[in-house]
Amino acid sequence: MINKITLLLICVISFNVNADTINVTLEGVSGIYSENILSNLSLYQQRSASNLSSGRVRWLYLQAENEINTALQPLGYYHPIIKSGISQKDGQWKASFIINKGEPVTIAERNILVTGDASHDDIFNVAIKQKRLLPGDIARHDEYEEIKKSLLAIASERGYFDARYTTNEFHIDAENNKAHVKLKLDSGPRYRIGHITFTKVELGDDLLQRYIPFSYGDPYDAKAVRQLQKILSDSDYFDRVIVQPLTGKKFDNHIPIDVQLSMRKRTKYTLGLGYGTDTGPRASAGIERRFLNTKGHTFKGNVSVSELINRVTTQYSIPLNRPETDRLVGTVEWSDINTDTSSSETKLLSIAREKEQSGWRNTLSLSYQEESFRVADDVGRSSLLMPSIGFSQIKSDHPVMPSKGRRLQFSLRGSAEGLVSDTSFLQARAGAKWLYSFNKGRLLLRADVGASWTRDFADLPPSVRFFTGGDWSVRGYDYNTLGPQQSDGSVTGGKHLIVGSVEYDYLFLENWRGAVFYDMGNAIDNFNDPLKKSAGLGVRWKSPVGWLRLDFAQPLASNESWRVHFTIGPDL
């Protein structure tokens, strides 16, 4: 009989334990104040605990006022007024707290001082002057700790590895609602860059040293060390880069830097298949030797074939003083191009110096090309020795899928008859593209302008004349079919070029955009010649290598029928 009664009591207790829960409400506080209270309030934290009983709930309730006081003090409130109540019905407890935070404790004195070598470092002065815990501000403990952490973080970043606090006082006078901050950081000496050592790799130490953006003895700066890691990682030589300051081995106020490298595979092969309405089906194959010798020379070879353009290209590159951006590139190329308006076979030999400066990529080159061609009634063979200079810049928030950015390009080239060349010309070209985003929409603006000066236009090969029309110029027209015409309608190409485009697309489904666009432009002999215009609709799909674009374009004020354009790649 006793065992049956005991079993019945256990069942009743188990039923009550499972049924009891607590609903906690706070009034008068929100945001960080309510979050801090609830994280410290045992009544809330144990609201669904399995061992709740009436006695347990009431005991937790009695602790609540002290816990609320404790939670508000780090946020600057030491005198809250709390009204509370608790009730229970059918196993459901309701606890309510009405909180008046009261008058806050405010900063009466703020004295933050940095001594040692860092006393002359402006970065510390900027950090100290930040508008936190100024006289009159609420005395928040978390902001005090944040100031301490930030100063030590700056010290570590700037090479003050012996920094320590000699004074660390956050005195609270709760009776008078005043607080006093006294903080003194002794930075000690600023360490300097020591010897930089690289792991043994197939590249010579002379090349590796040219990647370093600082010198032995420079003041230590963690940003510069991270920059070295990024520069090496961005090169095509290494698949793993670890740059580590050896703070445990500092000597004579110098920090040695250890750079661990592992080489990528020496040879890279590529194979590509694609389709574009300009070129039709296309295929390509390539080989790249990422490093040929200890000096970091590289070789690339590529073969591409399509209905219109066949090309074989080889390049030999030599890294210069800044190997991450500056290179000397030799190119040998053969191409065979057959469009509706022209055909040509070209052999090209060029040497170019590529350099990056002030955010611009500039290229200075000298090219020699022989070209056999046919354009309308012009048939010939040209030899051109062409010096050229070009500048380009791409700025965007993402290399493949930007939401905003711009691309700018400028170039100038020419030749002089009698200096290896059989004709003289001068040609300038400028191009720009802008991308703006707002809400789900994007605005894309594009412009391309070119001008040529020559006495013997008929002697210029197709590669130097201007043509337009196609996927990336004036849609609604076939590839390179726009330009000045002979009486029989044959396109001869123009001395000048004007192309512009306005496009708007809108994200209507995840990874899908609808687009409307308006294009205008032409290859012309005089800048007052008429321009061709087109408009259309398109759809875009987000692929791993950029937007896949399908456009339907209709020429305006023309008997031309509409055309389909298909492209893929980055917007910029």
Protein backbone atom coordinates (compact mmCIF):
# COMPACT_ATOMS: atom_id res chain seq x y z
CA MET A 1 0.00 0.00 0.00
CA ILE A 2 2.83 2.41 0.83
CA ASN A 3 4.55 1.65 -2.46
CA LYS A 4 1.33 2.48 -4.35
CA ILE A 5 0.97 5.84 -2.55
CA THR A 6 4.66 6.68 -3.24
CA LEU A 7 4.22 5.83 -6.91
CA LEU A 8 1.09 8.04 -7.08
CA LEU A 9 2.97 10.99 -5.53
CA ILE A 10 5.82 10.58 -7.99
CA CYS A 11 3.37 10.68 -10.89
CA VAL A 12 1.69 13.82 -9.55
CA ILE A 13 5.05 15.53 -9.03
CA SER A 14 6.19 14.53 -12.50
CA PHE A 15 3.00 15.94 -13.98
CA ASN A 16 3.50 19.28 -12.19
CA VAL A 17 7.17 19.48 -13.18
CA ASN A 18 6.38 19.04 -16.85
CA ALA A 19 3.46 21.46 -16.76
CA ASP A 20 4.94 24.48 -14.92
CA THR A 21 6.41 27.26 -17.09
CA ILE A 22 7.20 30.94 -16.48
CA ASN A 23 6.28 33.93 -18.62
CA VAL A 24 8.48 36.97 -17.86
CA THR A 25 7.64 40.50 -19.05
CA LEU A 26 9.72 43.66 -18.71
CA GLU A 27 8.38 47.20 -18.98
CA GLY A 28 10.34 50.45 -19.08
CA VAL A 29 13.46 49.01 -20.72
CA SER A 30 14.37 47.87 -24.21
CA GLY A 31 17.36 47.14 -26.43
CA ILE A 32 20.63 46.44 -24.68
CA TYR A 33 19.06 47.06 -21.26
CA SER A 34 16.40 44.38 -21.60
CA GLU A 35 18.88 42.00 -23.24
CA ASN A 36 21.34 42.37 -20.37
CA ILE A 37 18.61 41.95 -17.76
CA LEU A 38 17.20 38.79 -19.35
CA SER A 39 20.67 37.27 -19.73
CA ASN A 40 21.24 37.75 -15.96
CA LEU A 41 17.71 36.96 -14.75
CA SER A 42 17.59 33.40 -13.39
CA LEU A 43 13.78 33.44 -13.45
CA TYR A 44 13.91 33.94 -17.22
CA GLN A 45 16.83 31.61 -17.90
CA GLN A 46 15.09 28.75 -16.07
CA ARG A 47 11.58 29.47 -17.37
CA SER A 48 11.27 26.03 -18.96
CA ALA A 49 13.46 24.02 -16.59
CA SER A 50 12.35 20.48 -15.80
CA ASN A 51 12.70 20.86 -12.02
CA LEU A 52 10.36 23.83 -11.53
CA SER A 53 8.16 23.78 -8.45
CA SER A 54 6.18 26.49 -6.67
CA GLY A 55 8.93 26.88 -4.10
CA ARG A 56 11.62 27.02 -6.78
CA VAL A 57 9.75 29.66 -8.81
CA ARG A 58 9.18 31.88 -5.78
CA TRP A 59 12.81 31.58 -4.73
CA LEU A 60 13.93 32.63 -8.25
CA TYR A 61 11.46 35.52 -8.11
CA LEU A 62 12.99 36.76 -4.84
CA GLN A 63 16.44 36.90 -6.52
CA ALA A 64 15.16 38.93 -9.48
CA GLU A 65 15.49 42.44 -8.03
CA ASN A 66 19.16 41.97 -7.12
CA GLU A 67 19.84 40.42 -10.52
CA ILE A 68 18.19 43.35 -12.31
CA ASN A 69 20.30 45.78 -10.28
CA THR A 70 23.42 43.81 -11.16
CA ALA A 71 22.51 43.78 -14.86
CA LEU A 72 21.95 47.57 -15.06
CA GLN A 73 25.11 48.64 -13.23
CA PRO A 74 27.58 47.89 -16.06
CA LEU A 75 25.36 50.06 -18.27
CA GLY A 76 25.63 53.02 -15.88
CA TYR A 77 22.43 52.73 -13.79
CA TYR A 78 22.89 52.06 -10.08
CA HIS A 79 19.58 53.27 -8.62
CA PRO A 80 16.72 51.58 -10.48
CA ILE A 81 13.19 51.56 -9.09
CA ILE A 82 11.55 48.18 -9.66
CA LYS A 83 7.91 47.19 -9.25
CA SER A 84 7.18 43.52 -9.66
CA GLY A 85 4.48 40.92 -9.30
CA ILE A 86 3.99 37.20 -9.80
CA SER A 87 0.95 34.96 -10.15
CA GLN A 88 0.20 31.36 -11.02
CA LYS A 89 -2.69 29.68 -12.76
CA ASP A 90 -2.93 26.10 -14.07
CA GLY A 91 0.82 25.56 -13.98
CA GLN A 92 1.54 28.83 -15.82
CA TRP A 93 3.48 31.46 -13.87
CA LYS A 94 3.44 35.12 -14.86
CA ALA A 95 6.15 37.43 -13.55
CA SER A 96 6.14 41.11 -14.48
CA PHE A 97 8.72 43.80 -13.77
CA ILE A 98 8.19 47.54 -14.28
CA ILE A 99 11.63 49.17 -14.28
CA ASN A 100 12.55 52.80 -13.90
CA LYS A 101 16.29 52.94 -14.51
CA GLY A 102 16.66 56.09 -12.42
CA GLU A 103 19.40 58.67 -12.82
CA PRO A 104 22.56 57.35 -14.52
CA VAL A 105 26.10 57.62 -13.25
CA THR A 106 27.96 59.95 -15.63
CA ILE A 107 31.63 60.61 -16.37
CA ALA A 108 33.00 63.45 -14.25
CA GLU A 109 36.65 63.02 -15.25
CA ARG A 110 38.32 61.26 -18.19
CA ASN A 111 42.10 61.02 -18.18
CA ILE A 112 43.60 58.70 -20.82
CA LEU A 113 47.33 58.97 -21.40
CA VAL A 114 49.82 57.12 -23.62
CA THR A 115 53.51 57.22 -22.76
CA GLY A 116 56.58 55.67 -24.35
CA ASP A 117 57.34 55.78 -28.08
CA ALA A 118 53.60 55.79 -28.89
CA SER A 119 53.17 59.21 -27.28
CA HIS A 120 54.20 60.68 -30.65
CA ASP A 121 52.08 58.27 -32.73
CA ASP A 122 49.07 60.16 -34.10
CA ILE A 123 46.99 57.00 -34.49
CA PHE A 124 46.79 56.72 -30.70
CA ASN A 125 45.77 60.35 -30.38
CA VAL A 126 42.93 59.77 -32.88
CA ALA A 127 41.77 56.70 -30.94
CA ILE A 128 41.82 58.56 -27.61
CA LYS A 129 39.80 61.44 -29.03
CA GLN A 130 36.96 59.16 -30.10
CA LYS A 131 33.66 60.25 -28.59
CA ARG A 132 33.34 57.56 -25.95
CA LEU A 133 33.19 58.09 -22.18
CA LEU A 134 33.54 61.83 -22.46
CA PRO A 135 32.58 64.01 -19.47
CA GLY A 136 28.80 63.90 -19.15
CA ASP A 137 28.44 60.53 -20.88
CA ILE A 138 26.86 57.58 -19.10
CA ALA A 139 29.50 55.49 -17.32
CA ARG A 140 29.28 52.21 -19.22
CA HIS A 141 31.70 49.47 -18.25
CA ASP A 142 31.60 47.84 -21.69
CA GLU A 143 32.79 51.06 -23.36
CA TYR A 144 35.63 51.33 -20.85
CA GLU A 145 36.73 47.78 -21.65
CA GLU A 146 36.40 48.51 -25.36
CA ILE A 147 38.73 51.51 -25.05
CA LYS A 148 41.28 49.37 -23.25
CA LYS A 149 41.09 46.62 -25.86
CA SER A 150 41.30 49.03 -28.78
CA LEU A 151 44.43 50.76 -27.46
CA LEU A 152 46.17 47.43 -26.89
CA ALA A 153 45.08 46.25 -30.36
CA ILE A 154 46.56 49.38 -31.93
CA ALA A 155 49.75 48.83 -29.95
CA SER A 156 50.03 45.28 -31.28
CA GLU A 157 49.29 46.43 -34.86
CA ARG A 158 51.92 49.16 -34.68
CA GLY A 159 54.69 47.08 -33.15
CA TYR A 160 54.53 48.15 -29.47
CA PHE A 161 54.75 44.58 -28.23
CA ASP A 162 55.74 45.52 -24.65
CA ALA A 163 52.71 47.79 -24.11
CA ARG A 164 51.01 47.53 -20.70
CA TYR A 165 48.68 49.56 -18.51
CA THR A 166 50.36 51.18 -15.53
CA THR A 167 47.11 52.86 -14.42
CA ASN A 168 43.74 51.17 -14.87
CA GLU A 169 40.98 52.84 -12.85
CA PHE A 170 37.24 53.07 -13.48
CA HIS A 171 36.04 54.50 -10.18
CA ILE A 172 32.28 54.64 -9.59
CA ASP A 173 30.88 57.07 -7.00
CA ALA A 174 27.35 55.70 -7.04
CA GLU A 175 26.19 57.92 -4.16
CA ASN A 176 26.90 61.07 -6.19
CA ASN A 177 26.26 59.52 -9.62
CA LYS A 178 29.80 60.30 -10.76
CA ALA A 179 32.53 58.21 -12.37
CA HIS A 180 36.24 58.84 -12.87
CA VAL A 181 38.27 57.24 -15.68
CA LYS A 182 42.03 57.05 -15.30
CA LEU A 183 43.92 55.02 -17.88
CA LYS A 184 47.64 55.12 -18.63
CA LEU A 185 49.27 52.96 -21.28
CA ASP A 186 53.04 52.64 -21.33
CA SER A 187 53.74 51.54 -24.91
CA GLY A 188 57.40 50.84 -24.45
CA PRO A 189 59.57 50.94 -27.59
CA ARG A 190 58.22 50.49 -31.10
CA TYR A 191 59.81 47.45 -32.67
CA ARG A 192 61.13 47.46 -36.21
CA ILE A 193 61.09 45.04 -39.12
CA GLY A 194 63.89 42.49 -38.79
CA HIS A 195 65.25 39.99 -41.26
CA ILE A 196 62.75 38.43 -43.69
CA THR A 197 63.37 34.77 -44.47
CA PHE A 198 61.63 32.67 -47.14
CA THR A 199 61.30 28.91 -47.28
CA LYS A 200 63.27 27.26 -50.05
CA VAL A 201 61.28 27.30 -53.29
CA GLU A 202 62.03 27.14 -57.02
CA LEU A 203 62.18 30.94 -57.24
CA GLY A 204 65.29 32.98 -56.51
CA ASP A 205 65.66 35.14 -53.42
CA ASP A 206 66.20 38.23 -55.59
CA LEU A 207 62.67 37.89 -57.05
CA LEU A 208 61.09 37.17 -53.66
CA GLN A 209 62.76 40.17 -52.05
CA ARG A 210 61.22 42.45 -54.71
CA TYR A 211 57.74 41.51 -53.48
CA ILE A 212 58.42 42.95 -50.02
CA PRO A 213 56.65 46.34 -49.58
CA PHE A 214 58.91 47.41 -46.67
CA SER A 215 62.58 47.40 -45.75
CA TYR A 216 64.71 46.09 -42.92
CA GLY A 217 64.56 48.56 -40.03
CA ASP A 218 61.19 50.12 -40.96
CA PRO A 219 58.81 50.61 -38.02
CA TYR A 220 56.71 47.46 -37.61
CA ASP A 221 53.20 47.70 -39.05
CA ALA A 222 50.90 44.66 -39.16
CA LYS A 223 49.07 46.11 -42.20
CA ALA A 224 52.30 46.02 -44.20
CA VAL A 225 52.90 42.42 -43.12
CA ARG A 226 49.38 41.45 -44.24
CA GLN A 227 49.98 43.30 -47.50
CA LEU A 228 53.01 41.10 -48.15
CA GLN A 229 50.87 38.01 -47.63
CA LYS A 230 48.22 39.32 -50.04
CA ILE A 231 50.77 40.26 -52.71
CA LEU A 232 52.34 36.81 -52.62
CA SER A 233 48.96 35.06 -52.54
CA ASP A 234 47.73 37.06 -55.54
CA SER A 235 50.75 36.05 -57.60
CA ASP A 236 50.35 32.94 -59.73
CA TYR A 237 53.38 31.21 -58.23
CA PHE A 238 52.13 29.94 -54.86
CA ASP A 239 49.18 27.89 -53.62
CA ARG A 240 49.96 28.53 -49.93
CA VAL A 241 51.45 31.60 -48.26
CA ILE A 242 51.93 32.12 -44.51
CA VAL A 243 53.62 35.33 -43.34
CA GLN A 244 54.35 35.24 -39.63
CA PRO A 245 56.09 37.83 -37.41
CA LEU A 246 58.23 35.97 -34.88
CA THR A 247 57.47 38.12 -31.85
CA GLY A 248 58.94 35.47 -29.56
CA LYS A 249 62.31 35.91 -31.27
CA LYS A 250 62.51 39.70 -31.18
CA PHE A 251 66.07 40.93 -30.79
CA ASP A 252 67.51 44.41 -30.41
CA ASN A 253 64.03 45.94 -30.97
CA HIS A 254 63.65 44.07 -34.28
CA ILE A 255 61.00 41.47 -35.19
CA PRO A 256 62.07 38.81 -37.72
CA ILE A 257 59.49 37.86 -40.37
CA ASP A 258 59.12 34.25 -41.52
CA VAL A 259 57.48 33.59 -44.91
CA GLN A 260 56.39 30.03 -45.64
CA LEU A 261 55.65 29.26 -49.30
CA SER A 262 54.60 26.27 -51.34
CA MET A 263 54.66 26.38 -55.13
CA ARG A 264 51.72 25.79 -57.41
CA LYS A 265 52.02 23.17 -60.13
CA ARG A 266 54.45 24.38 -62.75
CA THR A 267 52.15 23.68 -65.72
CA LYS A 268 48.50 24.61 -66.18
CA TYR A 269 46.31 23.37 -69.04
CA THR A 270 43.01 24.93 -70.08
CA LEU A 271 40.25 23.87 -72.44
CA GLY A 272 37.21 25.98 -73.24
CA LEU A 273 34.00 25.65 -75.23
CA GLY A 274 31.51 28.42 -75.79
CA TYR A 275 29.04 30.17 -78.00
CA GLY A 276 28.40 33.81 -78.82
CA THR A 277 26.21 35.38 -81.46
CA ASP A 278 29.18 37.44 -82.65
CA THR A 279 31.48 34.45 -83.16
CA GLY A 280 29.18 31.41 -83.20
CA PRO A 281 30.51 28.20 -81.60
CA ARG A 282 34.05 28.57 -80.34
CA ALA A 283 36.71 26.47 -78.68
CA SER A 284 40.07 27.19 -77.11
CA ALA A 285 43.00 25.31 -75.64
CA GLY A 286 45.89 26.72 -73.66
CA ILE A 287 49.05 25.89 -71.78
CA GLU A 288 50.76 28.00 -69.14
CA ARG A 289 54.15 27.50 -67.56
CA ARG A 290 53.83 29.45 -64.31
CA PHE A 291 57.58 29.59 -63.75
CA LEU A 292 60.30 28.72 -66.21
CA ASN A 293 63.33 29.60 -64.08
CA THR A 294 64.36 31.06 -60.73
CA LYS A 295 63.72 34.59 -62.08
CA GLY A 296 59.99 33.87 -62.37
CA HIS A 297 59.68 34.09 -66.16
CA THR A 298 56.40 32.68 -67.46
CA PHE A 299 55.08 31.37 -70.77
CA LYS A 300 51.53 31.17 -72.11
CA GLY A 301 50.23 29.64 -75.31
CA ASN A 302 46.65 29.66 -76.54
CA VAL A 303 44.78 28.45 -79.62
CA SER A 304 41.20 29.61 -80.27
CA VAL A 305 38.92 28.72 -83.17
CA SER A 306 35.45 29.94 -84.18
CA GLU A 307 33.40 30.57 -87.29
CA LEU A 308 34.82 34.08 -87.67
CA ILE A 309 38.11 34.26 -85.76
CA ASN A 310 40.99 31.81 -85.53
CA ARG A 311 43.99 32.81 -83.46
CA VAL A 312 47.25 31.39 -82.08
CA THR A 313 48.97 33.45 -79.37
CA THR A 314 52.16 32.94 -77.36
CA GLN A 315 53.43 35.23 -74.58
CA TYR A 316 56.66 35.36 -72.62
CA SER A 317 56.58 37.48 -69.42
CA ILE A 318 59.41 38.80 -67.26
CA PRO A 319 58.63 40.31 -63.82
CA LEU A 320 60.15 43.75 -63.24
CA ASN A 321 61.00 45.74 -60.07
CA ARG A 322 57.47 45.41 -58.69
CA PRO A 323 56.70 41.86 -59.84
CA GLU A 324 53.15 41.96 -58.47
CA THR A 325 52.15 44.65 -61.00
CA ASP A 326 54.99 45.37 -63.44
CA ARG A 327 56.00 43.03 -66.26
CA LEU A 328 57.76 42.97 -69.60
CA VAL A 329 55.66 40.94 -72.05
CA GLY A 330 56.67 39.65 -75.48
CA THR A 331 53.90 38.42 -77.78
CA VAL A 332 53.87 36.46 -81.02
CA GLU A 333 50.46 36.04 -82.64
CA TRP A 334 48.85 34.75 -85.81
CA SER A 335 45.19 35.43 -86.58
CA ASP A 336 42.76 34.77 -89.41
CA ILE A 337 39.55 36.81 -89.29
CA ASN A 338 36.65 36.51 -91.74
CA THR A 339 33.56 38.65 -91.14
CA ASP A 340 30.72 39.76 -93.39
CA THR A 341 32.64 42.96 -94.11
CA SER A 342 36.31 41.99 -94.28
CA SER A 343 38.89 39.25 -94.15
CA SER A 344 42.48 39.40 -92.98
CA GLU A 345 45.46 37.31 -92.01
CA THR A 346 47.76 38.97 -89.49
CA LYS A 347 51.18 38.16 -88.07
CA LEU A 348 52.12 40.18 -85.01
CA LEU A 349 55.25 40.59 -82.92
CA SER A 350 55.19 42.95 -79.93
CA ILE A 351 57.04 43.90 -76.77
CA ALA A 352 55.20 45.70 -73.99
CA ARG A 353 55.97 47.09 -70.56
CA GLU A 354 52.99 46.81 -68.22
CA LYS A 355 53.03 48.92 -65.09
CA GLU A 356 50.56 49.91 -62.38
CA GLN A 357 50.73 53.37 -60.84
CA SER A 358 48.25 55.41 -58.79
CA GLY A 359 45.45 52.94 -59.48
CA TRP A 360 45.98 52.94 -63.26
CA ARG A 361 47.30 50.14 -65.42
CA ASN A 362 49.49 51.63 -68.14
CA THR A 363 51.01 49.82 -71.08
CA LEU A 364 53.79 51.08 -73.31
CA SER A 365 54.38 48.83 -76.33
CA LEU A 366 55.99 48.53 -79.73
CA SER A 367 54.35 46.20 -82.24
CA TYR A 368 55.22 45.06 -85.73
CA GLN A 369 52.49 43.46 -87.80
CA GLU A 370 52.07 42.21 -91.34
CA GLU A 371 48.49 41.96 -92.53
CA SER A 372 47.00 40.69 -95.78
CA PHE A 373 43.45 41.95 -96.14
CA ARG A 374 40.31 42.52 -98.11
CA VAL A 375 37.78 45.23 -97.22
CA ALA A 376 35.10 45.92 -99.87
CA ASP A 377 37.17 46.84 -102.98
CA ASP A 378 40.36 47.45 -100.98
CA VAL A 379 42.77 44.55 -101.23
CA GLY A 380 46.30 44.83 -99.98
CA ARG A 381 49.14 43.92 -97.70
CA SER A 382 50.42 46.25 -95.01
CA SER A 383 53.43 46.40 -92.76
CA LEU A 384 53.11 48.56 -89.66
CA LEU A 385 55.54 49.37 -86.86
CA MET A 386 53.27 50.80 -84.18
CA PRO A 387 54.32 52.35 -80.89
CA SER A 388 51.36 52.67 -78.52
CA ILE A 389 50.45 53.76 -75.03
CA GLY A 390 47.38 52.77 -73.06
CA PHE A 391 45.81 53.42 -69.67
CA SER A 392 43.08 51.39 -68.01
CA GLN A 393 41.36 51.26 -64.65
CA ILE A 394 38.71 48.97 -63.20
CA LYS A 395 37.14 49.74 -59.84
CA SER A 396 34.31 47.58 -58.51
CA ASP A 397 33.03 45.98 -55.33
CA HIS A 398 33.32 42.45 -56.79
CA PRO A 399 35.47 41.05 -59.63
CA VAL A 400 32.71 38.90 -61.20
CA MET A 401 29.36 40.11 -59.81
CA PRO A 402 29.77 43.82 -59.03
CA SER A 403 26.87 45.93 -57.79
CA LYS A 404 28.72 49.14 -58.55
CA GLY A 405 31.89 50.11 -60.35
CA ARG A 406 33.48 51.56 -63.44
CA ARG A 407 35.88 50.70 -66.22
CA LEU A 408 37.94 53.34 -68.03
CA GLN A 409 40.27 52.83 -71.01
CA PHE A 410 42.39 55.20 -73.09
CA SER A 411 44.88 54.37 -75.86
CA LEU A 412 46.97 56.08 -78.52
CA ARG A 413 48.84 54.35 -81.36
CA GLY A 414 50.26 55.14 -84.76
CA SER A 415 52.87 54.52 -87.42
CA ALA A 416 55.12 56.58 -89.70
CA GLU A 417 55.64 55.78 -93.36
CA GLY A 418 59.27 55.04 -94.11
CA LEU A 419 60.03 53.83 -90.58
CA VAL A 420 59.45 50.16 -91.43
CA SER A 421 55.75 51.04 -92.04
CA ASP A 422 54.24 51.51 -95.49
CA THR A 423 51.64 54.07 -94.35
CA SER A 424 51.21 56.74 -91.69
CA PHE A 425 48.33 57.08 -89.22
CA LEU A 426 47.51 58.23 -85.70
CA GLN A 427 44.61 56.77 -83.75
CA ALA A 428 43.12 57.59 -80.34
CA ARG A 429 40.43 55.65 -78.51
CA ALA A 430 38.58 56.02 -75.21
CA GLY A 431 36.04 53.75 -73.58
CA ALA A 432 34.08 53.81 -70.35
CA LYS A 433 31.47 51.77 -68.56
CA TRP A 434 29.62 52.60 -65.35
CA LEU A 435 27.46 50.40 -63.15
CA TYR A 436 25.09 51.80 -60.51
CA SER A 437 22.73 49.81 -58.25
CA PHE A 438 19.68 50.95 -56.31
CA ASN A 439 17.21 48.64 -54.57
CA LYS A 440 16.69 45.72 -56.98
CA GLY A 441 17.59 47.70 -60.09
CA ARG A 442 20.87 48.44 -61.86
CA LEU A 443 21.80 51.10 -64.40
CA LEU A 444 24.59 50.32 -66.88
CA LEU A 445 26.06 53.09 -69.03
CA ARG A 446 28.59 52.42 -71.80
CA ALA A 447 30.51 54.67 -74.21
CA ASP A 448 33.26 54.09 -76.79
CA VAL A 449 34.84 56.84 -78.93
CA GLY A 450 37.67 56.63 -81.45
CA ALA A 451 39.34 58.90 -84.00
CA SER A 452 41.94 58.33 -86.75
CA TRP A 453 44.07 60.67 -88.82
CA THR A 454 45.63 59.44 -92.10
CA ARG A 455 46.14 60.56 -95.70
CA ASP A 456 45.78 57.09 -97.22
CA PHE A 457 42.79 55.41 -95.57
CA ALA A 458 42.59 52.74 -98.29
CA ASP A 459 46.05 51.51 -97.24
CA LEU A 460 44.94 50.84 -93.64
CA PRO A 461 44.20 47.18 -92.83
CA PRO A 462 40.92 46.13 -91.08
CA SER A 463 42.69 45.87 -87.71
CA VAL A 464 43.25 49.64 -87.77
CA ARG A 465 39.87 50.68 -89.21
CA PHE A 466 36.75 51.09 -87.08
CA PHE A 467 33.74 48.78 -87.40
CA THR A 468 30.85 48.33 -85.01
CA GLY A 469 27.68 46.35 -84.46
CA GLY A 470 27.24 43.18 -82.40
CA ASP A 471 26.89 41.86 -78.87
CA TRP A 472 29.12 44.43 -77.15
CA SER A 473 28.47 47.53 -79.27
CA VAL A 474 25.22 48.31 -81.13
CA ARG A 475 22.89 45.38 -80.63
CA GLY A 476 20.34 44.65 -83.35
CA TYR A 477 23.11 44.52 -85.96
CA ASP A 478 25.48 41.73 -86.93
CA TYR A 479 29.11 41.72 -85.78
CA ASN A 480 31.17 44.56 -87.36
CA THR A 481 28.59 45.28 -90.10
CA LEU A 482 28.22 49.01 -89.34
CA GLY A 483 30.41 51.60 -91.03
CA PRO A 484 30.75 53.74 -94.17
CA GLN A 485 29.60 51.94 -97.32
CA GLN A 486 30.44 51.91 -101.01
CA SER A 487 27.75 52.38 -103.63
CA ASP A 488 27.15 48.61 -103.71
CA GLY A 489 26.55 48.52 -99.96
CA SER A 490 29.93 47.03 -99.03
CA VAL A 491 31.15 48.29 -95.65
CA THR A 492 34.63 49.82 -95.81
CA GLY A 493 35.14 50.66 -92.17
CA GLY A 494 35.46 54.16 -90.73
CA LYS A 495 38.05 56.64 -89.57
CA HIS A 496 36.11 57.39 -86.40
CA LEU A 497 33.87 55.58 -83.92
CA ILE A 498 31.00 56.61 -81.66
CA VAL A 499 29.06 54.06 -79.56
CA GLY A 500 26.82 54.60 -76.54
CA SER A 501 24.40 52.47 -74.54
CA VAL A 502 21.93 52.84 -71.67
CA GLU A 503 20.61 49.71 -69.96
CA TYR A 504 18.43 49.07 -66.93
CA ASP A 505 17.87 45.66 -65.39
CA TYR A 506 15.71 44.54 -62.47
CA LEU A 507 15.95 41.51 -60.18
CA PHE A 508 12.54 39.85 -60.51
CA LEU A 509 13.56 36.41 -59.17
CA GLU A 510 16.57 35.14 -57.29
CA ASN A 511 19.47 35.01 -59.81
CA TRP A 512 17.23 36.37 -62.61
CA ARG A 513 17.05 39.88 -64.04
CA GLY A 514 14.96 41.45 -66.76
CA ALA A 515 16.53 44.22 -68.86
CA VAL A 516 15.62 47.03 -71.25
CA PHE A 517 18.27 48.84 -73.30
CA TYR A 518 18.91 51.49 -75.92
CA ASP A 519 22.06 51.47 -78.08
CA MET A 520 23.34 53.96 -80.62
CA GLY A 521 26.53 54.36 -82.62
CA ASN A 522 28.37 53.86 -85.88
CA ALA A 523 31.78 53.73 -87.51
CA ILE A 524 32.01 56.98 -89.48
CA ASP A 525 34.29 59.16 -91.63
CA ASN A 526 32.91 62.46 -90.27
CA PHE A 527 31.62 63.14 -86.78
CA ASN A 528 28.38 64.61 -88.19
CA ASP A 529 27.52 61.36 -90.00
CA PRO A 530 24.27 59.68 -88.82
CA LEU A 531 24.30 57.08 -86.05
CA LYS A 532 22.43 53.77 -85.98
CA LYS A 533 19.99 53.18 -83.12
CA SER A 534 18.42 50.11 -81.57
CA ALA A 535 16.38 49.11 -78.53
CA GLY A 536 15.35 45.86 -76.96
CA LEU A 537 14.57 43.57 -74.08
CA GLY A 538 16.72 40.98 -72.35
CA VAL A 539 16.96 38.46 -69.55
CA ARG A 540 20.00 37.74 -67.35
CA TRP A 541 20.85 34.66 -65.32
CA LYS A 542 23.52 34.64 -62.63
CA SER A 543 26.12 32.01 -63.51
CA PRO A 544 29.38 31.19 -61.65
CA VAL A 545 31.43 33.11 -64.25
CA GLY A 546 29.19 36.16 -64.60
CA TRP A 547 25.81 37.12 -65.98
CA LEU A 548 24.53 35.03 -68.87
CA ARG A 549 22.69 37.51 -71.13
CA LEU A 550 20.03 36.86 -73.75
CA ASP A 551 18.94 39.99 -75.64
CA PHE A 552 16.34 40.67 -78.32
CA ALA A 553 17.25 43.89 -80.17
CA GLN A 554 15.34 45.79 -82.86
CA PRO A 555 17.07 48.37 -85.10
CA LEU A 556 15.16 51.67 -85.15
CA ALA A 557 14.28 53.68 -88.28
CA SER A 558 15.51 50.82 -90.44
CA ASN A 559 14.22 47.89 -92.48
CA GLU A 560 16.47 45.57 -90.51
CA SER A 561 14.77 42.72 -88.65
CA TRP A 562 15.34 42.08 -84.96
CA ARG A 563 18.31 40.02 -83.79
CA VAL A 564 19.12 37.76 -80.87
CA HIS A 565 22.32 38.36 -78.88
CA PHE A 566 23.83 35.89 -76.42
CA THR A 567 26.81 36.73 -74.18
CA ILE A 568 28.32 35.65 -70.88
CA GLY A 569 30.88 37.21 -68.54
CA PRO A 570 31.48 39.97 -65.96
CA ASP A 571 29.67 43.31 -66.34
CA LEU A 572 32.91 45.30 -66.23
